[in-house]
Protein backbone atom coordinates (compact mmCIF):
# COMPACT_ATOMS: atom_id res chain seq x y z
CA UNK A 1 -33.69 -7.34 -19.95
CA UNK A 2 -35.97 -8.23 -17.23
CA UNK A 3 -38.67 -4.87 -18.04
CA UNK A 4 -38.66 -6.38 -21.42
CA UNK A 5 -39.76 -10.06 -20.07
CA UNK A 6 -42.04 -8.48 -17.79
CA UNK A 7 -43.73 -6.56 -21.33
CA UNK A 8 -43.51 -9.50 -22.99
CA UNK A 9 -45.54 -11.87 -20.29
CA UNK A 10 -47.65 -9.13 -20.01
CA UNK A 11 -49.04 -9.41 -23.40
CA UNK A 12 -50.23 -12.90 -22.82
CA UNK A 13 -52.74 -11.88 -20.21
CA UNK A 14 -56.04 -11.06 -21.13
CA UNK A 15 -56.81 -7.28 -20.28
CA UNK A 16 -60.17 -9.15 -18.55
CA UNK A 17 -57.53 -10.17 -16.26
CA UNK A 18 -55.79 -6.70 -15.22
CA UNK A 19 -56.06 -5.58 -11.73
CA UNK A 20 -58.53 -2.94 -10.99
CA UNK A 21 -56.24 -0.25 -10.10
CA UNK A 22 -53.08 0.25 -12.60
CA UNK A 23 -53.11 0.90 -15.96
CA UNK A 24 -53.07 -1.58 -19.14
CA UNK A 25 -49.85 -0.80 -20.64
CA UNK A 26 -46.94 -3.63 -20.62
CA UNK A 27 -44.20 -1.37 -18.99
CA UNK A 28 -43.93 -2.16 -15.37
CA UNK A 29 -45.78 0.27 -13.18
CA UNK A 30 -43.85 1.09 -10.15
CA UNK A 31 -40.37 -0.69 -8.52
CA UNK A 32 -39.79 -3.94 -10.77
CA UNK A 33 -38.85 -6.64 -8.58
CA UNK A 34 -37.00 -9.74 -9.99
CA UNK A 35 -36.32 -13.03 -8.04
CA UNK A 36 -34.73 -16.18 -9.57
CA UNK A 37 -35.20 -19.90 -8.27
CA UNK A 38 -34.35 -22.94 -9.58
CA UNK A 39 -35.82 -23.26 -12.89
CA UNK A 40 -37.76 -19.69 -12.49
CA UNK A 41 -37.73 -16.06 -12.82
CA UNK A 42 -40.63 -13.87 -10.82
CA UNK A 43 -41.02 -10.55 -12.11
CA UNK A 44 -43.49 -8.00 -9.67
CA UNK A 45 -44.59 -4.60 -10.47
CA UNK A 46 -47.03 -2.52 -8.61
CA UNK A 47 -49.98 -4.50 -10.54
CA UNK A 48 -49.25 -8.19 -10.48
CA UNK A 49 -46.64 -10.79 -10.22
CA UNK A 50 -45.36 -12.81 -13.60
CA UNK A 51 -43.20 -15.70 -13.53
CA UNK A 52 -41.65 -17.76 -16.41
CA UNK A 53 -39.76 -21.41 -16.41
CA UNK A 54 -41.07 -24.03 -13.86
CA UNK A 55 -44.11 -23.48 -12.03
CA UNK A 56 -43.77 -21.07 -9.04
CA UNK A 57 -45.76 -18.86 -6.93
CA UNK A 58 -47.21 -15.89 -9.14
CA UNK A 59 -50.71 -14.31 -10.26
CA UNK A 60 -49.83 -15.38 -13.85
CA UNK A 61 -47.36 -18.53 -14.35
CA UNK A 62 -45.69 -18.95 -17.76
CA UNK A 63 -44.09 -22.23 -18.48
CA UNK A 64 -40.63 -22.38 -20.60
CA UNK A 65 -41.04 -24.48 -23.16
CA UNK A 66 -38.77 -25.69 -25.94
CA UNK A 67 -41.42 -26.09 -28.53
CA UNK A 68 -45.41 -24.20 -27.81
CA UNK A 69 -47.43 -26.18 -26.39
CA UNK A 70 -51.08 -26.00 -24.49
CA UNK A 71 -50.85 -26.44 -21.02
CA UNK A 72 -54.33 -26.87 -19.62
CA UNK A 73 -57.79 -26.45 -20.70
CA UNK A 74 -58.38 -23.09 -19.54
CA UNK A 75 -60.11 -21.05 -19.02
CA UNK A 76 -59.23 -20.81 -15.46
CA UNK A 77 -58.58 -16.74 -14.99
CA UNK A 78 -54.49 -16.08 -14.04
CA UNK A 79 -52.28 -19.22 -12.17
CA UNK A 80 -50.68 -21.60 -15.21
CA UNK A 81 -51.06 -19.99 -18.69
CA UNK A 82 -52.98 -22.44 -21.36
CA UNK A 83 -49.91 -21.42 -23.59
CA UNK A 84 -46.57 -22.51 -22.75
CA UNK A 85 -43.63 -19.67 -24.12
CA UNK A 86 -40.85 -20.82 -26.25
CA UNK A 87 -37.62 -19.43 -27.72
CA UNK A 88 -39.82 -17.85 -30.96
CA UNK A 89 -41.88 -15.84 -28.59
CA UNK A 90 -38.98 -14.01 -27.07
CA UNK A 91 -36.69 -13.64 -30.23
CA UNK A 92 -32.63 -13.89 -30.15
CA UNK A 93 -31.55 -11.44 -27.62
CA UNK A 94 -34.63 -11.70 -24.64
CA UNK A 95 -33.89 -15.69 -25.09
CA UNK A 96 -30.34 -16.10 -24.50
CA UNK A 97 -30.90 -13.64 -21.43
CA UNK A 98 -33.60 -15.79 -20.03
CA UNK A 99 -31.34 -19.10 -20.78
CA UNK A 100 -28.53 -17.86 -19.24
CA UNK A 101 -30.59 -16.87 -15.90
CA UNK A 102 -33.08 -19.72 -15.52
CA UNK A 103 -31.45 -22.53 -18.14
CA UNK A 104 -32.77 -23.76 -21.65
CA UNK A 105 -36.73 -24.40 -22.06
CA UNK A 106 -37.78 -27.65 -20.98
CA UNK A 107 -39.52 -30.68 -22.79
CA UNK A 108 -43.23 -30.64 -22.64
CA UNK A 109 -45.57 -33.56 -24.20
CA UNK A 110 -48.71 -31.45 -25.17
CA UNK A 111 -50.58 -30.73 -27.81
CA UNK A 112 -48.76 -28.32 -30.29
CA UNK A 113 -49.95 -24.45 -31.06
CA UNK A 114 -46.90 -23.60 -32.92
CA UNK A 115 -48.75 -23.16 -35.89
CA UNK A 116 -51.15 -20.75 -33.79
CA UNK A 117 -48.06 -19.02 -32.64
CA UNK A 118 -47.09 -18.56 -35.87
CA UNK A 119 -49.99 -16.87 -37.04
CA UNK A 120 -49.80 -14.54 -34.20
CA UNK A 121 -46.82 -12.94 -34.62
CA UNK A 122 -46.78 -13.02 -38.27
CA UNK A 123 -50.42 -11.08 -37.52
CA UNK A 124 -48.72 -8.66 -35.34
CA UNK A 125 -45.52 -7.79 -37.05
CA UNK A 126 -47.51 -6.37 -39.76
CA UNK A 127 -50.02 -4.75 -37.82
CA UNK A 128 -47.88 -3.05 -35.47
CA UNK A 129 -46.44 -0.52 -37.04
CA UNK A 130 -49.46 1.07 -38.40
CA UNK A 131 -50.83 1.27 -34.69
CA UNK A 132 -48.33 3.12 -32.75
CA UNK A 133 -48.37 2.91 -29.11
CA UNK A 134 -51.43 0.41 -29.16
CA UNK A 135 -51.24 -2.54 -26.24
CA UNK A 136 -51.25 -5.70 -27.57
CA UNK A 137 -53.09 -8.68 -25.44
CA UNK A 138 -53.75 -12.39 -26.20
CA UNK A 139 -57.06 -14.06 -26.74
CA UNK A 140 -56.90 -17.76 -26.56
CA UNK A 141 -59.51 -18.64 -23.66
CA UNK A 142 -61.42 -15.96 -22.79
CA UNK A 143 -64.14 -15.84 -25.53
CA UNK A 144 -64.68 -19.22 -27.05
CA UNK A 145 -65.50 -17.72 -30.49
CA UNK A 146 -62.16 -15.92 -31.25
CA UNK A 147 -58.54 -16.30 -31.27
CA UNK A 148 -55.96 -13.66 -31.83
CA UNK A 149 -55.20 -10.07 -30.28
CA UNK A 150 -56.96 -7.53 -28.73
CA UNK A 151 -55.16 -4.91 -29.21
CA UNK A 152 -56.03 -1.70 -26.77
CA UNK A 153 -55.61 2.42 -27.72
CA UNK A 154 -52.81 4.18 -26.26
CA UNK A 155 -53.39 4.90 -22.28
CA UNK A 156 -53.05 8.98 -23.02
CA UNK A 157 -55.96 8.61 -24.89
CA UNK A 158 -58.20 8.21 -21.77
CA UNK A 159 -60.06 5.69 -23.88
CA UNK A 160 -61.55 1.86 -24.18
CA UNK A 161 -61.72 1.26 -28.01
CA UNK A 162 -59.99 -1.54 -28.83
CA UNK A 163 -59.46 -3.71 -32.09
CA UNK A 164 -59.81 -7.35 -32.07
CA UNK A 165 -58.07 -9.59 -35.10
CA UNK A 166 -57.75 -12.70 -35.40
CA UNK A 167 -59.28 -15.88 -36.59
CA UNK A 168 -63.26 -17.19 -35.58
CA UNK A 169 -63.77 -20.54 -33.98
CA UNK A 170 -66.11 -21.86 -36.14
CA UNK A 171 -63.95 -22.09 -39.27
CA UNK A 172 -61.11 -20.39 -38.86
CA UNK A 173 -61.61 -17.53 -41.09
CA UNK A 174 -60.30 -14.09 -40.22
CA UNK A 175 -62.14 -11.60 -37.89
CA UNK A 176 -62.11 -8.24 -37.29
CA UNK A 177 -63.70 -5.73 -34.67
CA UNK A 178 -63.23 -2.16 -34.25
CA UNK A 179 -65.59 -1.63 -31.23
CA UNK A 180 -65.77 0.63 -27.87
CA UNK A 181 -67.36 -0.58 -24.05
CA UNK A 182 -70.63 -0.19 -23.99
CA UNK A 183 -71.74 2.90 -22.86
CA UNK A 184 -72.03 3.55 -18.62
CA UNK A 185 -71.21 -0.15 -17.83
CA UNK A 186 -67.86 0.06 -16.04
CA UNK A 187 -65.11 -2.60 -15.35
CA UNK A 188 -62.95 -0.14 -12.90
CA UNK A 189 -64.15 2.39 -11.38
CA UNK A 190 -61.30 4.50 -13.30
CA UNK A 191 -62.78 4.01 -16.36
CA UNK A 192 -65.46 6.43 -16.30
CA UNK A 193 -63.95 9.45 -18.10
CA UNK A 194 -62.87 7.10 -21.24
CA UNK A 195 -66.39 5.83 -21.64
CA UNK A 196 -67.58 8.99 -21.11
CA UNK A 197 -65.13 10.01 -23.80
CA UNK A 198 -65.90 7.34 -25.95
CA UNK A 199 -69.95 7.87 -25.84
CA UNK A 200 -68.67 11.60 -27.38
CA UNK A 201 -66.42 10.24 -29.81
CA UNK A 202 -68.86 7.55 -30.97
CA UNK A 203 -71.24 10.63 -31.68
CA UNK A 204 -68.71 12.40 -34.14
CA UNK A 205 -67.72 9.08 -35.93
CA UNK A 206 -71.09 8.47 -36.46
CA UNK A 207 -72.02 12.27 -37.29
CA UNK A 208 -74.07 12.81 -40.56
CA UNK A 209 -71.47 16.20 -41.40
CA UNK A 210 -68.36 15.08 -41.09
CA UNK A 211 -67.92 11.69 -39.11
CA UNK A 212 -65.15 9.80 -40.17
CA UNK A 213 -67.45 6.41 -40.55
CA UNK A 214 -70.00 8.06 -42.17
CA UNK A 215 -67.46 8.91 -44.62
CA UNK A 216 -66.29 5.76 -44.80
CA UNK A 217 -69.48 4.40 -45.77
CA UNK A 218 -70.13 6.51 -48.28
CA UNK A 219 -73.61 7.42 -46.77
CA UNK A 220 -74.08 10.27 -44.21
CA UNK A 221 -76.93 8.67 -43.15
CA UNK A 222 -76.01 5.48 -42.36
CA UNK A 223 -76.33 5.35 -39.03
CA UNK A 224 -79.87 6.34 -38.96
CA UNK A 225 -81.14 2.59 -39.61
CA UNK A 226 -80.54 0.28 -36.91
CA UNK A 227 -78.64 -2.73 -38.58
CA UNK A 228 -75.44 -3.63 -40.45
CA UNK A 229 -74.56 -1.09 -43.06
CA UNK A 230 -72.53 -3.43 -45.73
CA UNK A 231 -68.94 -1.80 -46.91
CA UNK A 232 -68.88 -4.21 -50.00
CA UNK A 233 -65.45 -2.21 -51.20
CA UNK A 234 -63.87 -4.65 -48.73
CA UNK A 235 -63.12 -7.82 -48.63
CA UNK A 236 -64.65 -10.27 -47.17
CA UNK A 237 -68.16 -9.78 -44.95
CA UNK A 238 -67.78 -6.53 -43.79
CA UNK A 239 -70.60 -4.26 -42.01
CA UNK A 240 -70.90 -0.80 -39.78
CA UNK A 241 -73.13 -1.04 -37.24
CA UNK A 242 -74.58 1.49 -35.98
CA UNK A 243 -75.00 2.52 -32.12
CA UNK A 244 -78.58 2.08 -32.52
CA UNK A 245 -78.19 -1.92 -33.18
CA UNK A 246 -77.29 -1.32 -29.56
CA UNK A 247 -73.89 -3.49 -29.93
CA UNK A 248 -70.61 -2.54 -29.00
CA UNK A 249 -68.91 -3.20 -32.21
CA UNK A 250 -68.81 -0.06 -35.01
CA UNK A 251 -66.98 -2.03 -37.64
CA UNK A 252 -67.82 -5.93 -37.81
CA UNK A 253 -66.12 -7.91 -40.58
CA UNK A 254 -65.56 -11.77 -41.05
CA UNK A 255 -63.12 -12.88 -44.65
CA UNK A 256 -63.65 -15.18 -46.78
CA UNK A 257 -61.92 -18.53 -46.57
CA UNK A 258 -58.16 -18.62 -48.10
CA UNK A 259 -57.41 -15.55 -47.68
CA UNK A 260 -54.33 -14.36 -46.12
CA UNK A 261 -55.99 -13.21 -42.99
CA UNK A 262 -52.60 -10.67 -41.99
CA UNK A 263 -52.75 -8.54 -45.17
CA UNK A 264 -57.11 -8.23 -45.22
CA UNK A 265 -56.91 -7.41 -41.55
CA UNK A 266 -54.51 -4.40 -42.64
CA UNK A 267 -56.79 -3.21 -45.40
CA UNK A 268 -59.22 -2.97 -42.77
CA UNK A 269 -57.02 -0.68 -40.02
CA UNK A 270 -56.26 1.71 -43.27
CA UNK A 271 -59.97 1.86 -44.27
CA UNK A 272 -60.32 2.42 -40.05
CA UNK A 273 -57.28 5.10 -40.10
CA UNK A 274 -59.50 8.18 -40.14
CA UNK A 275 -61.35 6.99 -37.52
CA UNK A 276 -58.21 5.84 -35.20
CA UNK A 277 -56.97 9.33 -35.82
CA UNK A 278 -59.78 10.95 -34.08
CA UNK A 279 -59.50 8.78 -30.63
CA UNK A 280 -57.22 10.72 -29.00
CA UNK A 281 -58.98 13.94 -29.40
CA UNK A 282 -61.00 14.17 -25.67
CA UNK A 283 -64.50 15.65 -27.50
CA UNK A 284 -66.93 17.79 -25.49
CA UNK A 285 -69.85 19.56 -26.02
CA UNK A 286 -71.85 16.20 -28.10
CA UNK A 287 -74.62 14.41 -26.35
CA UNK A 288 -74.77 10.64 -26.05
CA UNK A 289 -78.33 10.67 -27.16
């Protein structure tokens, strides 16, 4: 159960805060060390330490609170997480194990994030079956224009492609991105090969002969002009963005008001499945330029 708790807490960490060594996946790496104190548990793998309960020394500290609340204003990198962890975030089995080990969650008087937690849980439950092996990372304070999930391609694909799904903070409508990292710009030295391959994959996706995004556009030459290409058959404002725009999303989408966001996002994931299915291929023989 301690490995399950580590995996759940890892999902709370923005992947920009992941250590510059080791993988991005939620499975503990190396030996998982588990320590208990009065009202807290600390879990440490080869990458970082995570704690749940009352505040204790750890890289990322998650408060165990009866109802989901905002703990601080953010966006302090690591330290006490901006949002608490509550029983509904863990599920019955893991919750009971945590209570047995460190006690019941405590009361805390703070701004409720119950609606946000429920929304994010329903969104993940809806999309997770369609994105097998992808890893989920909470986004609540790193980028001021959005709140939701960054979903990262499986590590074995050697890819930096991500999907963002959630809401745009300007009007709380659905927000969806299918994007890759900027070519040649690395957060970590060990990302060089994935970045190179994603450049080749992008060329293939936009190819005028059989590219999956070209097929989605219904226009094999959609990427020839440096402007957004609308997809009016999909609900909301949905555009393909060609690499020549110099922007990193390949698909950018905003939902209409009053749309059920989980179902809207599911239609976009399904529309992108032919493109997503190509990402595991390590393409060679194409030139980014």
